[in-house]
N, C-alpha and C. Protein backbone atom coordinates (compact mmCIF):
# COMPACT_ATOMS: atom_id res chain seq x y z
N MET A 1 61.89 -126.80 -78.34
CA MET A 1 61.64 -128.22 -78.52
C MET A 1 60.26 -128.57 -78.00
N LYS A 2 59.55 -129.43 -78.71
CA LYS A 2 58.20 -129.81 -78.31
C LYS A 2 58.22 -130.60 -77.02
N LYS A 3 57.26 -130.29 -76.13
CA LYS A 3 57.18 -130.97 -74.84
C LYS A 3 56.85 -132.44 -75.04
N PRO A 4 57.57 -133.34 -74.37
CA PRO A 4 57.30 -134.77 -74.54
C PRO A 4 55.98 -135.16 -73.89
N ILE A 5 55.45 -136.28 -74.32
CA ILE A 5 54.22 -136.83 -73.76
C ILE A 5 54.58 -137.51 -72.44
N ASN A 6 54.04 -136.98 -71.34
CA ASN A 6 54.34 -137.55 -70.03
C ASN A 6 53.43 -138.75 -69.76
N VAL A 7 54.04 -139.88 -69.43
CA VAL A 7 53.31 -141.13 -69.26
C VAL A 7 53.45 -141.64 -67.83
N MET A 8 52.35 -142.09 -67.26
CA MET A 8 52.34 -142.78 -65.97
C MET A 8 52.10 -144.27 -66.23
N LEU A 9 52.92 -145.13 -65.64
CA LEU A 9 52.77 -146.57 -65.79
C LEU A 9 52.31 -147.17 -64.47
N VAL A 10 51.20 -147.92 -64.51
CA VAL A 10 50.71 -148.61 -63.32
C VAL A 10 50.79 -150.10 -63.60
N GLU A 11 51.79 -150.74 -63.00
CA GLU A 11 52.12 -152.13 -63.32
C GLU A 11 52.80 -152.75 -62.09
N ASP A 12 52.33 -153.91 -61.65
CA ASP A 12 52.87 -154.50 -60.42
C ASP A 12 54.15 -155.30 -60.64
N ASN A 13 54.47 -155.63 -61.88
CA ASN A 13 55.68 -156.41 -62.15
C ASN A 13 56.88 -155.48 -62.31
N PRO A 14 57.83 -155.49 -61.35
CA PRO A 14 58.96 -154.55 -61.44
C PRO A 14 59.84 -154.77 -62.66
N GLU A 15 59.98 -156.02 -63.10
CA GLU A 15 60.80 -156.30 -64.28
C GLU A 15 60.16 -155.71 -65.53
N TYR A 16 58.83 -155.78 -65.60
CA TYR A 16 58.15 -155.21 -66.76
C TYR A 16 58.26 -153.68 -66.73
N ARG A 17 58.15 -153.10 -65.54
CA ARG A 17 58.31 -151.64 -65.42
C ARG A 17 59.69 -151.22 -65.89
N GLU A 18 60.71 -151.98 -65.49
CA GLU A 18 62.08 -151.65 -65.89
C GLU A 18 62.25 -151.78 -67.40
N GLY A 19 61.64 -152.82 -67.97
CA GLY A 19 61.71 -152.99 -69.42
C GLY A 19 61.04 -151.86 -70.17
N MET A 20 59.90 -151.39 -69.64
CA MET A 20 59.19 -150.27 -70.26
C MET A 20 60.04 -148.99 -70.19
N ALA A 21 60.68 -148.79 -69.05
CA ALA A 21 61.51 -147.60 -68.89
C ALA A 21 62.65 -147.60 -69.90
N ILE A 22 63.28 -148.76 -70.09
CA ILE A 22 64.38 -148.87 -71.04
C ILE A 22 63.88 -148.66 -72.47
N ALA A 23 62.70 -149.22 -72.77
CA ALA A 23 62.16 -149.12 -74.12
C ALA A 23 61.80 -147.69 -74.49
N LEU A 24 61.33 -146.92 -73.51
CA LEU A 24 60.83 -145.58 -73.81
C LEU A 24 61.86 -144.47 -73.62
N GLU A 25 62.96 -144.77 -72.91
CA GLU A 25 63.91 -143.69 -72.61
C GLU A 25 64.61 -143.17 -73.86
N VAL A 26 64.60 -143.95 -74.95
CA VAL A 26 65.26 -143.50 -76.17
C VAL A 26 64.28 -142.84 -77.14
N VAL A 27 63.03 -142.70 -76.71
CA VAL A 27 62.02 -142.07 -77.57
C VAL A 27 61.93 -140.59 -77.17
N PRO A 28 62.34 -139.67 -78.02
CA PRO A 28 62.46 -138.26 -77.63
C PRO A 28 61.14 -137.57 -77.27
N ASP A 29 60.03 -138.01 -77.87
CA ASP A 29 58.78 -137.30 -77.63
C ASP A 29 57.90 -137.99 -76.59
N ILE A 30 58.43 -139.00 -75.89
CA ILE A 30 57.68 -139.69 -74.84
C ILE A 30 58.56 -139.81 -73.60
N SER A 31 57.99 -139.47 -72.44
CA SER A 31 58.75 -139.53 -71.19
C SER A 31 57.96 -140.31 -70.14
N LEU A 32 58.53 -141.42 -69.67
CA LEU A 32 57.90 -142.21 -68.61
C LEU A 32 58.26 -141.54 -67.29
N THR A 33 57.38 -140.67 -66.81
CA THR A 33 57.70 -139.82 -65.67
C THR A 33 57.41 -140.46 -64.33
N THR A 34 56.39 -141.31 -64.24
CA THR A 34 56.03 -141.93 -62.96
C THR A 34 55.66 -143.39 -63.15
N GLN A 35 56.00 -144.20 -62.16
CA GLN A 35 55.69 -145.63 -62.17
C GLN A 35 55.15 -146.03 -60.80
N PHE A 36 54.11 -146.87 -60.82
CA PHE A 36 53.52 -147.33 -59.56
C PHE A 36 53.17 -148.80 -59.67
N GLY A 37 53.25 -149.50 -58.53
CA GLY A 37 52.95 -150.92 -58.51
C GLY A 37 51.52 -151.26 -58.20
N THR A 38 50.75 -150.27 -57.71
CA THR A 38 49.33 -150.49 -57.42
C THR A 38 48.52 -149.29 -57.89
N ALA A 39 47.25 -149.53 -58.15
CA ALA A 39 46.36 -148.45 -58.58
C ALA A 39 46.11 -147.48 -57.43
N GLU A 40 46.05 -148.00 -56.20
CA GLU A 40 45.79 -147.13 -55.05
C GLU A 40 46.85 -146.04 -54.91
N ILE A 41 48.13 -146.44 -55.03
CA ILE A 41 49.21 -145.46 -54.90
C ILE A 41 49.21 -144.48 -56.07
N ALA A 42 48.92 -144.98 -57.25
CA ALA A 42 48.86 -144.10 -58.42
C ALA A 42 47.75 -143.07 -58.27
N LEU A 43 46.60 -143.50 -57.79
CA LEU A 43 45.47 -142.58 -57.61
C LEU A 43 45.77 -141.56 -56.51
N ARG A 44 46.44 -142.00 -55.46
CA ARG A 44 46.82 -141.07 -54.39
C ARG A 44 47.77 -140.01 -54.94
N SER A 45 48.66 -140.43 -55.82
CA SER A 45 49.59 -139.49 -56.43
C SER A 45 48.84 -138.45 -57.26
N LEU A 46 47.83 -138.90 -58.02
CA LEU A 46 47.04 -137.96 -58.82
C LEU A 46 46.31 -136.96 -57.93
N GLN A 47 45.78 -137.43 -56.80
CA GLN A 47 45.11 -136.52 -55.87
C GLN A 47 46.06 -135.46 -55.37
N GLU A 48 47.28 -135.86 -55.04
CA GLU A 48 48.26 -134.91 -54.52
C GLU A 48 48.71 -133.92 -55.59
N MET A 49 48.70 -134.36 -56.84
CA MET A 49 49.05 -133.43 -57.93
C MET A 49 48.02 -132.33 -58.07
N ALA A 50 46.75 -132.66 -57.76
CA ALA A 50 45.66 -131.67 -57.77
C ALA A 50 45.62 -130.87 -59.07
N GLY A 51 45.78 -131.53 -60.19
CA GLY A 51 45.67 -130.86 -61.49
C GLY A 51 46.98 -130.34 -62.03
N ALA A 52 48.01 -130.28 -61.20
CA ALA A 52 49.31 -129.78 -61.66
C ALA A 52 50.24 -130.95 -61.97
N ASN A 53 50.89 -130.87 -63.11
CA ASN A 53 51.86 -131.89 -63.52
C ASN A 53 51.25 -133.29 -63.66
N VAL A 54 49.96 -133.36 -63.96
CA VAL A 54 49.34 -134.66 -64.16
C VAL A 54 49.87 -135.26 -65.45
N PRO A 55 49.92 -136.59 -65.55
CA PRO A 55 50.42 -137.21 -66.78
C PRO A 55 49.49 -136.96 -67.96
N ASP A 56 50.07 -137.02 -69.14
CA ASP A 56 49.27 -136.89 -70.36
C ASP A 56 48.51 -138.17 -70.65
N ILE A 57 49.11 -139.30 -70.28
CA ILE A 57 48.53 -140.62 -70.56
C ILE A 57 48.88 -141.57 -69.43
N VAL A 58 47.96 -142.46 -69.10
CA VAL A 58 48.22 -143.52 -68.12
C VAL A 58 48.21 -144.86 -68.83
N LEU A 59 49.24 -145.66 -68.59
CA LEU A 59 49.27 -147.06 -69.04
C LEU A 59 48.90 -147.91 -67.83
N LEU A 60 47.80 -148.64 -67.92
CA LEU A 60 47.23 -149.31 -66.75
C LEU A 60 47.08 -150.81 -66.99
N ASP A 61 47.68 -151.60 -66.10
CA ASP A 61 47.49 -153.05 -66.14
C ASP A 61 46.13 -153.38 -65.52
N LEU A 62 45.57 -154.52 -65.89
CA LEU A 62 44.29 -154.94 -65.32
C LEU A 62 44.47 -155.76 -64.06
N ASN A 63 45.41 -156.70 -64.11
CA ASN A 63 45.59 -157.62 -63.00
C ASN A 63 46.56 -157.03 -61.98
N LEU A 64 46.03 -156.25 -61.06
CA LEU A 64 46.84 -155.56 -60.06
C LEU A 64 46.47 -156.04 -58.65
N PRO A 65 47.39 -156.00 -57.72
CA PRO A 65 47.04 -156.32 -56.34
C PRO A 65 46.14 -155.22 -55.77
N GLY A 66 45.17 -155.62 -54.96
CA GLY A 66 44.24 -154.62 -54.44
C GLY A 66 43.23 -154.22 -55.49
N LEU A 67 43.13 -152.93 -55.76
CA LEU A 67 42.19 -152.42 -56.75
C LEU A 67 42.62 -152.83 -58.15
N SER A 68 41.72 -153.51 -58.87
CA SER A 68 42.05 -153.95 -60.23
C SER A 68 42.01 -152.78 -61.20
N GLY A 69 42.54 -153.01 -62.39
CA GLY A 69 42.52 -151.95 -63.40
C GLY A 69 41.11 -151.53 -63.77
N ILE A 70 40.22 -152.50 -63.91
CA ILE A 70 38.82 -152.19 -64.25
C ILE A 70 38.19 -151.34 -63.15
N GLU A 71 38.41 -151.73 -61.90
CA GLU A 71 37.84 -150.98 -60.77
C GLU A 71 38.45 -149.59 -60.66
N ALA A 72 39.70 -149.46 -61.09
CA ALA A 72 40.40 -148.17 -60.95
C ALA A 72 40.03 -147.17 -62.02
N LEU A 73 39.57 -147.64 -63.18
CA LEU A 73 39.30 -146.73 -64.31
C LEU A 73 38.39 -145.55 -63.94
N PRO A 74 37.25 -145.78 -63.27
CA PRO A 74 36.39 -144.63 -62.92
C PRO A 74 37.08 -143.63 -61.99
N TRP A 75 37.99 -144.13 -61.14
CA TRP A 75 38.69 -143.24 -60.22
C TRP A 75 39.72 -142.39 -60.95
N PHE A 76 40.38 -142.96 -61.95
CA PHE A 76 41.29 -142.15 -62.76
C PHE A 76 40.52 -141.04 -63.47
N ALA A 77 39.32 -141.38 -63.96
CA ALA A 77 38.49 -140.38 -64.64
C ALA A 77 38.04 -139.29 -63.67
N THR A 78 37.86 -139.65 -62.40
CA THR A 78 37.44 -138.67 -61.39
C THR A 78 38.58 -137.74 -61.00
N TYR A 79 39.75 -138.32 -60.75
CA TYR A 79 40.88 -137.52 -60.26
C TYR A 79 41.60 -136.76 -61.37
N SER A 80 41.57 -137.29 -62.59
CA SER A 80 42.24 -136.61 -63.70
C SER A 80 41.45 -136.84 -64.98
N PRO A 81 40.29 -136.17 -65.10
CA PRO A 81 39.38 -136.42 -66.23
C PRO A 81 39.98 -136.15 -67.60
N GLU A 82 41.02 -135.34 -67.68
CA GLU A 82 41.62 -135.01 -68.97
C GLU A 82 42.71 -135.99 -69.37
N THR A 83 43.00 -136.97 -68.51
CA THR A 83 44.08 -137.92 -68.80
C THR A 83 43.52 -139.23 -69.31
N PRO A 84 43.72 -139.55 -70.58
CA PRO A 84 43.23 -140.82 -71.11
C PRO A 84 44.03 -142.00 -70.57
N VAL A 85 43.37 -143.15 -70.47
CA VAL A 85 43.99 -144.36 -69.93
C VAL A 85 44.03 -145.44 -71.01
N ILE A 86 45.22 -145.97 -71.23
CA ILE A 86 45.39 -147.10 -72.15
C ILE A 86 45.57 -148.36 -71.30
N ILE A 87 44.73 -149.35 -71.52
CA ILE A 87 44.91 -150.63 -70.84
C ILE A 87 46.07 -151.38 -71.51
N LEU A 88 47.01 -151.84 -70.69
CA LEU A 88 48.15 -152.61 -71.18
C LEU A 88 48.22 -153.88 -70.36
N THR A 89 47.79 -154.98 -70.93
CA THR A 89 47.56 -156.19 -70.14
C THR A 89 47.86 -157.45 -70.94
N GLN A 90 47.89 -158.57 -70.24
CA GLN A 90 48.03 -159.86 -70.91
C GLN A 90 46.68 -160.44 -71.30
N SER A 91 45.61 -159.88 -70.73
CA SER A 91 44.29 -160.48 -70.89
C SER A 91 43.63 -160.10 -72.21
N ASN A 92 43.24 -161.14 -72.96
CA ASN A 92 42.44 -160.92 -74.16
C ASN A 92 41.03 -161.48 -73.97
N ARG A 93 40.62 -161.65 -72.70
CA ARG A 93 39.30 -162.18 -72.39
C ARG A 93 38.21 -161.21 -72.84
N GLU A 94 37.16 -161.75 -73.40
CA GLU A 94 36.04 -160.93 -73.88
C GLU A 94 35.51 -160.03 -72.78
N ALA A 95 35.30 -160.58 -71.59
CA ALA A 95 34.72 -159.80 -70.49
C ALA A 95 35.62 -158.62 -70.12
N ASP A 96 36.94 -158.83 -70.11
CA ASP A 96 37.86 -157.75 -69.74
C ASP A 96 37.87 -156.64 -70.80
N VAL A 97 37.87 -157.04 -72.06
CA VAL A 97 37.87 -156.06 -73.15
C VAL A 97 36.63 -155.18 -73.08
N LEU A 98 35.46 -155.81 -72.99
CA LEU A 98 34.22 -155.05 -72.97
C LEU A 98 34.10 -154.20 -71.71
N ALA A 99 34.53 -154.76 -70.56
CA ALA A 99 34.45 -154.00 -69.31
C ALA A 99 35.34 -152.77 -69.35
N ALA A 100 36.55 -152.92 -69.89
CA ALA A 100 37.49 -151.81 -69.95
C ALA A 100 36.99 -150.70 -70.88
N ILE A 101 36.51 -151.09 -72.05
CA ILE A 101 36.02 -150.10 -73.00
C ILE A 101 34.78 -149.39 -72.44
N THR A 102 33.89 -150.17 -71.82
CA THR A 102 32.69 -149.59 -71.22
C THR A 102 33.03 -148.63 -70.09
N ALA A 103 34.09 -148.96 -69.34
CA ALA A 103 34.48 -148.12 -68.20
C ALA A 103 35.25 -146.88 -68.63
N GLY A 104 35.53 -146.74 -69.92
CA GLY A 104 36.12 -145.50 -70.41
C GLY A 104 37.57 -145.56 -70.85
N ALA A 105 38.13 -146.76 -71.00
CA ALA A 105 39.51 -146.84 -71.47
C ALA A 105 39.65 -146.24 -72.87
N ALA A 106 40.73 -145.50 -73.08
CA ALA A 106 40.96 -144.86 -74.39
C ALA A 106 41.57 -145.82 -75.39
N GLY A 107 42.12 -146.92 -74.90
CA GLY A 107 42.73 -147.91 -75.79
C GLY A 107 42.94 -149.21 -75.04
N TYR A 108 43.20 -150.27 -75.80
CA TYR A 108 43.39 -151.59 -75.19
C TYR A 108 44.50 -152.30 -75.95
N LEU A 109 45.63 -152.51 -75.26
CA LEU A 109 46.78 -153.17 -75.86
C LEU A 109 47.17 -154.40 -75.05
N LEU A 110 47.68 -155.41 -75.74
CA LEU A 110 48.22 -156.57 -75.07
C LEU A 110 49.71 -156.37 -74.84
N LYS A 111 50.23 -157.02 -73.79
CA LYS A 111 51.65 -156.88 -73.48
C LYS A 111 52.54 -157.54 -74.54
N SER A 112 51.93 -158.31 -75.40
CA SER A 112 52.67 -158.90 -76.51
C SER A 112 52.92 -157.89 -77.63
N SER A 113 52.37 -156.68 -77.50
CA SER A 113 52.58 -155.64 -78.52
C SER A 113 54.06 -155.29 -78.62
N THR A 114 54.49 -154.92 -79.79
CA THR A 114 55.88 -154.50 -79.97
C THR A 114 56.08 -153.09 -79.41
N ARG A 115 57.34 -152.71 -79.25
CA ARG A 115 57.63 -151.36 -78.76
C ARG A 115 57.08 -150.31 -79.72
N ASP A 116 57.23 -150.55 -81.02
CA ASP A 116 56.73 -149.60 -82.00
C ASP A 116 55.21 -149.46 -81.91
N GLN A 117 54.51 -150.57 -81.69
CA GLN A 117 53.05 -150.51 -81.56
C GLN A 117 52.66 -149.70 -80.33
N LEU A 118 53.39 -149.89 -79.23
CA LEU A 118 53.10 -149.14 -78.01
C LEU A 118 53.35 -147.65 -78.21
N ILE A 119 54.47 -147.32 -78.82
CA ILE A 119 54.79 -145.91 -79.07
C ILE A 119 53.74 -145.27 -79.96
N GLU A 120 53.37 -145.98 -81.01
CA GLU A 120 52.34 -145.47 -81.92
C GLU A 120 51.02 -145.26 -81.20
N ALA A 121 50.69 -146.18 -80.29
CA ALA A 121 49.43 -146.07 -79.54
C ALA A 121 49.44 -144.84 -78.63
N ILE A 122 50.56 -144.60 -77.96
CA ILE A 122 50.66 -143.44 -77.07
C ILE A 122 50.49 -142.15 -77.87
N ARG A 123 51.15 -142.07 -79.00
CA ARG A 123 51.04 -140.87 -79.84
C ARG A 123 49.62 -140.70 -80.37
N LEU A 124 48.99 -141.81 -80.72
CA LEU A 124 47.63 -141.76 -81.25
C LEU A 124 46.64 -141.28 -80.21
N VAL A 125 46.77 -141.78 -78.98
CA VAL A 125 45.87 -141.36 -77.90
C VAL A 125 46.07 -139.88 -77.59
N LYS A 126 47.30 -139.43 -77.62
CA LYS A 126 47.59 -138.01 -77.38
C LYS A 126 46.87 -137.13 -78.39
N LYS A 127 46.69 -137.66 -79.61
CA LYS A 127 45.99 -136.91 -80.66
C LYS A 127 44.47 -137.11 -80.61
N GLY A 128 44.01 -137.89 -79.64
CA GLY A 128 42.57 -138.12 -79.52
C GLY A 128 42.08 -139.43 -80.08
N GLY A 129 43.01 -140.29 -80.52
CA GLY A 129 42.62 -141.57 -81.09
C GLY A 129 42.37 -142.63 -80.03
N SER A 130 41.97 -143.81 -80.49
CA SER A 130 41.67 -144.93 -79.60
C SER A 130 42.28 -146.21 -80.16
N PRO A 131 43.53 -146.49 -79.83
CA PRO A 131 44.19 -147.67 -80.37
C PRO A 131 43.68 -148.96 -79.73
N ILE A 132 43.51 -149.98 -80.54
CA ILE A 132 43.09 -151.29 -80.08
C ILE A 132 44.06 -152.32 -80.65
N ASP A 133 44.50 -153.26 -79.82
CA ASP A 133 45.37 -154.33 -80.30
C ASP A 133 44.72 -155.01 -81.50
N PRO A 134 45.48 -155.30 -82.55
CA PRO A 134 44.89 -155.89 -83.78
C PRO A 134 44.07 -157.14 -83.51
N HIS A 135 44.52 -158.00 -82.61
CA HIS A 135 43.76 -159.22 -82.30
C HIS A 135 42.44 -158.88 -81.63
N ILE A 136 42.48 -157.89 -80.73
CA ILE A 136 41.26 -157.45 -80.04
C ILE A 136 40.32 -156.79 -81.02
N ALA A 137 40.87 -155.99 -81.95
CA ALA A 137 40.04 -155.31 -82.94
C ALA A 137 39.28 -156.31 -83.80
N ARG A 138 39.97 -157.39 -84.19
CA ARG A 138 39.30 -158.41 -84.99
C ARG A 138 38.16 -159.06 -84.21
N TYR A 139 38.39 -159.28 -82.92
CA TYR A 139 37.34 -159.86 -82.08
C TYR A 139 36.13 -158.93 -81.99
N ILE A 140 36.39 -157.63 -81.79
CA ILE A 140 35.29 -156.68 -81.66
C ILE A 140 34.49 -156.61 -82.96
N LEU A 141 35.19 -156.57 -84.09
CA LEU A 141 34.50 -156.54 -85.38
C LEU A 141 33.64 -157.78 -85.57
N GLN A 142 34.18 -158.93 -85.19
CA GLN A 142 33.42 -160.17 -85.31
C GLN A 142 32.18 -160.13 -84.43
N THR A 143 32.34 -159.59 -83.22
CA THR A 143 31.21 -159.48 -82.30
C THR A 143 30.13 -158.57 -82.86
N LEU A 144 30.57 -157.45 -83.45
CA LEU A 144 29.60 -156.51 -84.02
C LEU A 144 28.87 -157.13 -85.21
N ARG A 145 29.58 -157.98 -85.97
CA ARG A 145 28.93 -158.64 -87.11
C ARG A 145 27.87 -159.64 -86.64
N GLU A 146 28.16 -160.32 -85.54
CA GLU A 146 27.27 -161.38 -85.07
C GLU A 146 26.06 -160.85 -84.33
N ARG A 147 26.24 -159.81 -83.54
CA ARG A 147 25.16 -159.36 -82.67
C ARG A 147 23.94 -158.81 -83.40
N PRO A 148 24.09 -158.06 -84.50
CA PRO A 148 22.89 -157.60 -85.20
C PRO A 148 22.02 -158.75 -85.69
N ARG A 149 22.66 -159.86 -86.09
CA ARG A 149 21.86 -161.00 -86.54
C ARG A 149 21.02 -161.55 -85.40
N LYS A 150 21.60 -161.58 -84.20
CA LYS A 150 20.84 -162.04 -83.05
C LYS A 150 19.69 -161.09 -82.75
N ALA A 151 19.99 -159.78 -82.87
CA ALA A 151 18.96 -158.79 -82.57
C ALA A 151 17.80 -158.89 -83.54
N ASN A 152 18.07 -159.32 -84.76
CA ASN A 152 17.02 -159.42 -85.77
C ASN A 152 16.23 -160.71 -85.66
N ASP A 153 16.68 -161.63 -84.79
CA ASP A 153 15.99 -162.90 -84.62
C ASP A 153 15.13 -162.85 -83.37
N GLU A 154 15.35 -163.82 -82.47
CA GLU A 154 14.47 -163.94 -81.32
C GLU A 154 14.60 -162.80 -80.33
N ARG A 155 15.72 -162.02 -80.39
CA ARG A 155 15.93 -160.96 -79.42
C ARG A 155 15.22 -159.66 -79.80
N ALA A 156 14.69 -159.55 -80.99
CA ALA A 156 14.07 -158.31 -81.43
C ALA A 156 12.75 -158.08 -80.73
N LEU A 157 12.50 -156.81 -80.38
CA LEU A 157 11.21 -156.46 -79.78
C LEU A 157 10.13 -156.40 -80.85
N SER A 158 8.93 -156.86 -80.50
CA SER A 158 7.80 -156.76 -81.42
C SER A 158 7.29 -155.33 -81.45
N GLU A 159 6.45 -155.03 -82.42
CA GLU A 159 5.89 -153.68 -82.51
C GLU A 159 5.09 -153.34 -81.25
N ARG A 160 4.32 -154.31 -80.75
CA ARG A 160 3.53 -154.07 -79.54
C ARG A 160 4.44 -153.82 -78.33
N GLU A 161 5.53 -154.58 -78.24
CA GLU A 161 6.46 -154.39 -77.13
C GLU A 161 7.11 -153.01 -77.18
N ILE A 162 7.40 -152.54 -78.38
CA ILE A 162 7.97 -151.20 -78.53
C ILE A 162 6.94 -150.14 -78.12
N GLU A 163 5.66 -150.38 -78.45
CA GLU A 163 4.60 -149.45 -78.03
C GLU A 163 4.51 -149.39 -76.51
N VAL A 164 4.55 -150.56 -75.87
CA VAL A 164 4.50 -150.61 -74.40
C VAL A 164 5.71 -149.88 -73.81
N LEU A 165 6.89 -150.14 -74.37
CA LEU A 165 8.11 -149.51 -73.86
C LEU A 165 8.08 -147.99 -74.06
N SER A 166 7.54 -147.55 -75.18
CA SER A 166 7.43 -146.11 -75.45
C SER A 166 6.53 -145.43 -74.43
N LEU A 167 5.40 -146.08 -74.12
CA LEU A 167 4.48 -145.51 -73.13
C LEU A 167 5.09 -145.52 -71.73
N LEU A 168 5.88 -146.56 -71.43
CA LEU A 168 6.61 -146.57 -70.16
C LEU A 168 7.56 -145.38 -70.09
N GLY A 169 8.22 -145.12 -71.21
CA GLY A 169 9.15 -144.01 -71.28
C GLY A 169 8.47 -142.65 -71.12
N GLU A 170 7.19 -142.59 -71.43
CA GLU A 170 6.44 -141.34 -71.27
C GLU A 170 5.88 -141.19 -69.85
N GLY A 171 6.13 -142.20 -69.02
CA GLY A 171 5.72 -142.11 -67.62
C GLY A 171 4.40 -142.77 -67.28
N LEU A 172 3.79 -143.47 -68.23
CA LEU A 172 2.51 -144.12 -67.96
C LEU A 172 2.73 -145.38 -67.12
N VAL A 173 1.76 -145.66 -66.23
CA VAL A 173 1.81 -146.88 -65.42
C VAL A 173 1.08 -147.99 -66.17
N LYS A 174 1.15 -149.20 -65.62
CA LYS A 174 0.61 -150.38 -66.29
C LYS A 174 -0.87 -150.21 -66.66
N LYS A 175 -1.68 -149.72 -65.74
CA LYS A 175 -3.12 -149.57 -65.99
C LYS A 175 -3.37 -148.57 -67.11
N GLU A 176 -2.61 -147.48 -67.13
CA GLU A 176 -2.77 -146.46 -68.17
C GLU A 176 -2.34 -147.00 -69.53
N ILE A 177 -1.28 -147.79 -69.55
CA ILE A 177 -0.83 -148.40 -70.80
C ILE A 177 -1.90 -149.33 -71.35
N ALA A 178 -2.50 -150.12 -70.46
CA ALA A 178 -3.56 -151.04 -70.87
C ALA A 178 -4.72 -150.28 -71.51
N GLY A 179 -5.12 -149.17 -70.89
CA GLY A 179 -6.21 -148.36 -71.44
C GLY A 179 -5.84 -147.71 -72.76
N GLU A 180 -4.60 -147.24 -72.87
CA GLU A 180 -4.14 -146.57 -74.08
C GLU A 180 -4.12 -147.53 -75.27
N LEU A 181 -3.73 -148.79 -75.02
CA LEU A 181 -3.60 -149.76 -76.11
C LEU A 181 -4.83 -150.65 -76.26
N GLY A 182 -5.78 -150.51 -75.34
CA GLY A 182 -6.99 -151.33 -75.42
C GLY A 182 -6.73 -152.80 -75.12
N ILE A 183 -5.83 -153.08 -74.19
CA ILE A 183 -5.52 -154.45 -73.79
C ILE A 183 -5.63 -154.56 -72.28
N SER A 184 -5.55 -155.77 -71.77
CA SER A 184 -5.67 -155.98 -70.32
C SER A 184 -4.35 -155.71 -69.62
N SER A 185 -4.44 -155.45 -68.31
CA SER A 185 -3.23 -155.25 -67.51
C SER A 185 -2.37 -156.51 -67.51
N HIS A 186 -3.02 -157.67 -67.54
CA HIS A 186 -2.29 -158.93 -67.57
C HIS A 186 -1.45 -159.04 -68.85
N THR A 187 -2.02 -158.58 -69.97
CA THR A 187 -1.28 -158.61 -71.24
C THR A 187 -0.10 -157.65 -71.19
N VAL A 188 -0.31 -156.50 -70.56
CA VAL A 188 0.79 -155.54 -70.40
C VAL A 188 1.92 -156.18 -69.59
N ASP A 189 1.55 -156.91 -68.52
CA ASP A 189 2.54 -157.61 -67.70
C ASP A 189 3.36 -158.58 -68.55
N ASN A 190 2.69 -159.31 -69.41
CA ASN A 190 3.38 -160.28 -70.27
C ASN A 190 4.35 -159.58 -71.22
N HIS A 191 3.90 -158.47 -71.81
CA HIS A 191 4.77 -157.71 -72.71
C HIS A 191 6.01 -157.19 -71.97
N MET A 192 5.79 -156.69 -70.77
CA MET A 192 6.90 -156.14 -69.99
C MET A 192 7.90 -157.23 -69.61
N ARG A 193 7.38 -158.40 -69.27
CA ARG A 193 8.27 -159.51 -68.93
C ARG A 193 9.13 -159.90 -70.13
N HIS A 194 8.51 -159.95 -71.33
CA HIS A 194 9.25 -160.28 -72.55
C HIS A 194 10.29 -159.20 -72.87
N ILE A 195 9.93 -157.94 -72.64
CA ILE A 195 10.86 -156.84 -72.89
C ILE A 195 12.09 -156.98 -72.00
N TYR A 196 11.87 -157.27 -70.71
CA TYR A 196 12.99 -157.42 -69.78
C TYR A 196 13.88 -158.57 -70.19
N GLU A 197 13.25 -159.68 -70.61
CA GLU A 197 14.03 -160.85 -71.01
C GLU A 197 14.87 -160.57 -72.26
N LYS A 198 14.26 -159.90 -73.24
CA LYS A 198 14.97 -159.65 -74.50
C LYS A 198 16.09 -158.62 -74.34
N LEU A 199 15.83 -157.61 -73.51
CA LEU A 199 16.85 -156.58 -73.30
C LEU A 199 17.83 -156.95 -72.19
N GLN A 200 17.52 -158.04 -71.49
CA GLN A 200 18.36 -158.52 -70.39
C GLN A 200 18.56 -157.44 -69.33
N VAL A 201 17.44 -156.92 -68.86
CA VAL A 201 17.44 -155.90 -67.81
C VAL A 201 16.47 -156.32 -66.70
N PRO A 202 16.62 -155.76 -65.49
CA PRO A 202 15.77 -156.18 -64.37
C PRO A 202 14.49 -155.38 -64.18
N ASN A 203 14.41 -154.18 -64.75
CA ASN A 203 13.26 -153.33 -64.46
C ASN A 203 12.99 -152.33 -65.59
N ALA A 204 11.92 -151.54 -65.41
CA ALA A 204 11.50 -150.60 -66.45
C ALA A 204 12.52 -149.49 -66.72
N PRO A 205 13.07 -148.82 -65.68
CA PRO A 205 14.05 -147.77 -65.97
C PRO A 205 15.25 -148.28 -66.77
N ALA A 206 15.72 -149.47 -66.41
CA ALA A 206 16.86 -150.04 -67.14
C ALA A 206 16.47 -150.36 -68.58
N ALA A 207 15.24 -150.84 -68.78
CA ALA A 207 14.77 -151.16 -70.13
C ALA A 207 14.69 -149.90 -70.99
N ILE A 208 14.16 -148.84 -70.42
CA ILE A 208 14.02 -147.58 -71.15
C ILE A 208 15.39 -147.01 -71.52
N THR A 209 16.30 -147.02 -70.54
CA THR A 209 17.66 -146.50 -70.78
C THR A 209 18.36 -147.29 -71.88
N LYS A 210 18.30 -148.62 -71.79
CA LYS A 210 18.98 -149.45 -72.78
C LYS A 210 18.35 -149.28 -74.16
N ALA A 211 17.02 -149.14 -74.21
CA ALA A 211 16.34 -148.97 -75.48
C ALA A 211 16.73 -147.66 -76.17
N PHE A 212 16.90 -146.59 -75.39
CA PHE A 212 17.33 -145.33 -75.99
C PHE A 212 18.76 -145.42 -76.49
N LYS A 213 19.64 -146.07 -75.69
CA LYS A 213 21.04 -146.19 -76.11
C LYS A 213 21.16 -147.05 -77.37
N ALA A 214 20.29 -148.05 -77.49
CA ALA A 214 20.34 -148.95 -78.64
C ALA A 214 19.62 -148.40 -79.85
N GLY A 215 18.95 -147.26 -79.69
CA GLY A 215 18.23 -146.67 -80.80
C GLY A 215 16.87 -147.31 -81.06
N ILE A 216 16.38 -148.12 -80.11
CA ILE A 216 15.06 -148.72 -80.28
C ILE A 216 13.97 -147.67 -80.09
N LEU A 217 14.18 -146.76 -79.16
CA LEU A 217 13.23 -145.67 -78.94
C LEU A 217 13.82 -144.38 -79.48
């Protein structure tokens, strides 16, 4: 018989944990093996497992006492890097969705999801997929549609700003950039200030990193 998918649930509401246990106990290929009320205790358990008998998937709430789900995500990746984490929460806030995905969550589901949707998500993540709640998916698609238009308007870097940023990326200092482009150091300062404002970063290293990730450089 095929080994069931071992699931760890991190949820502070005992009634919800009990409901999850009842919902999953009749699913032959999924086993809710461990449950914890805080992220700290769950992480301590992973440390003690030391790679043995670690769960296949973690279901993690965001709003937890002590360490929040967002704060806990990097620690789960540290203690059990091969175990994907699905966020299971009531929050559909934009900031929470983006923070969770950025922090490495393998999926994002709302607690309003049906049992079948949850089961399907667990199976999908086990196969390497990334399930997203349909309402959240629509929001992300809408965000992706809107942001390129903004980037093509006032937020877009000019050709000169891209030249300045490229030279920064090559390690040149302000005076050298001025000489290379035949402009004054004061003009370079102005370009750099505009670059920081448009990319919403505080300094040159952050600007260079973001520009490479965004495909600008």
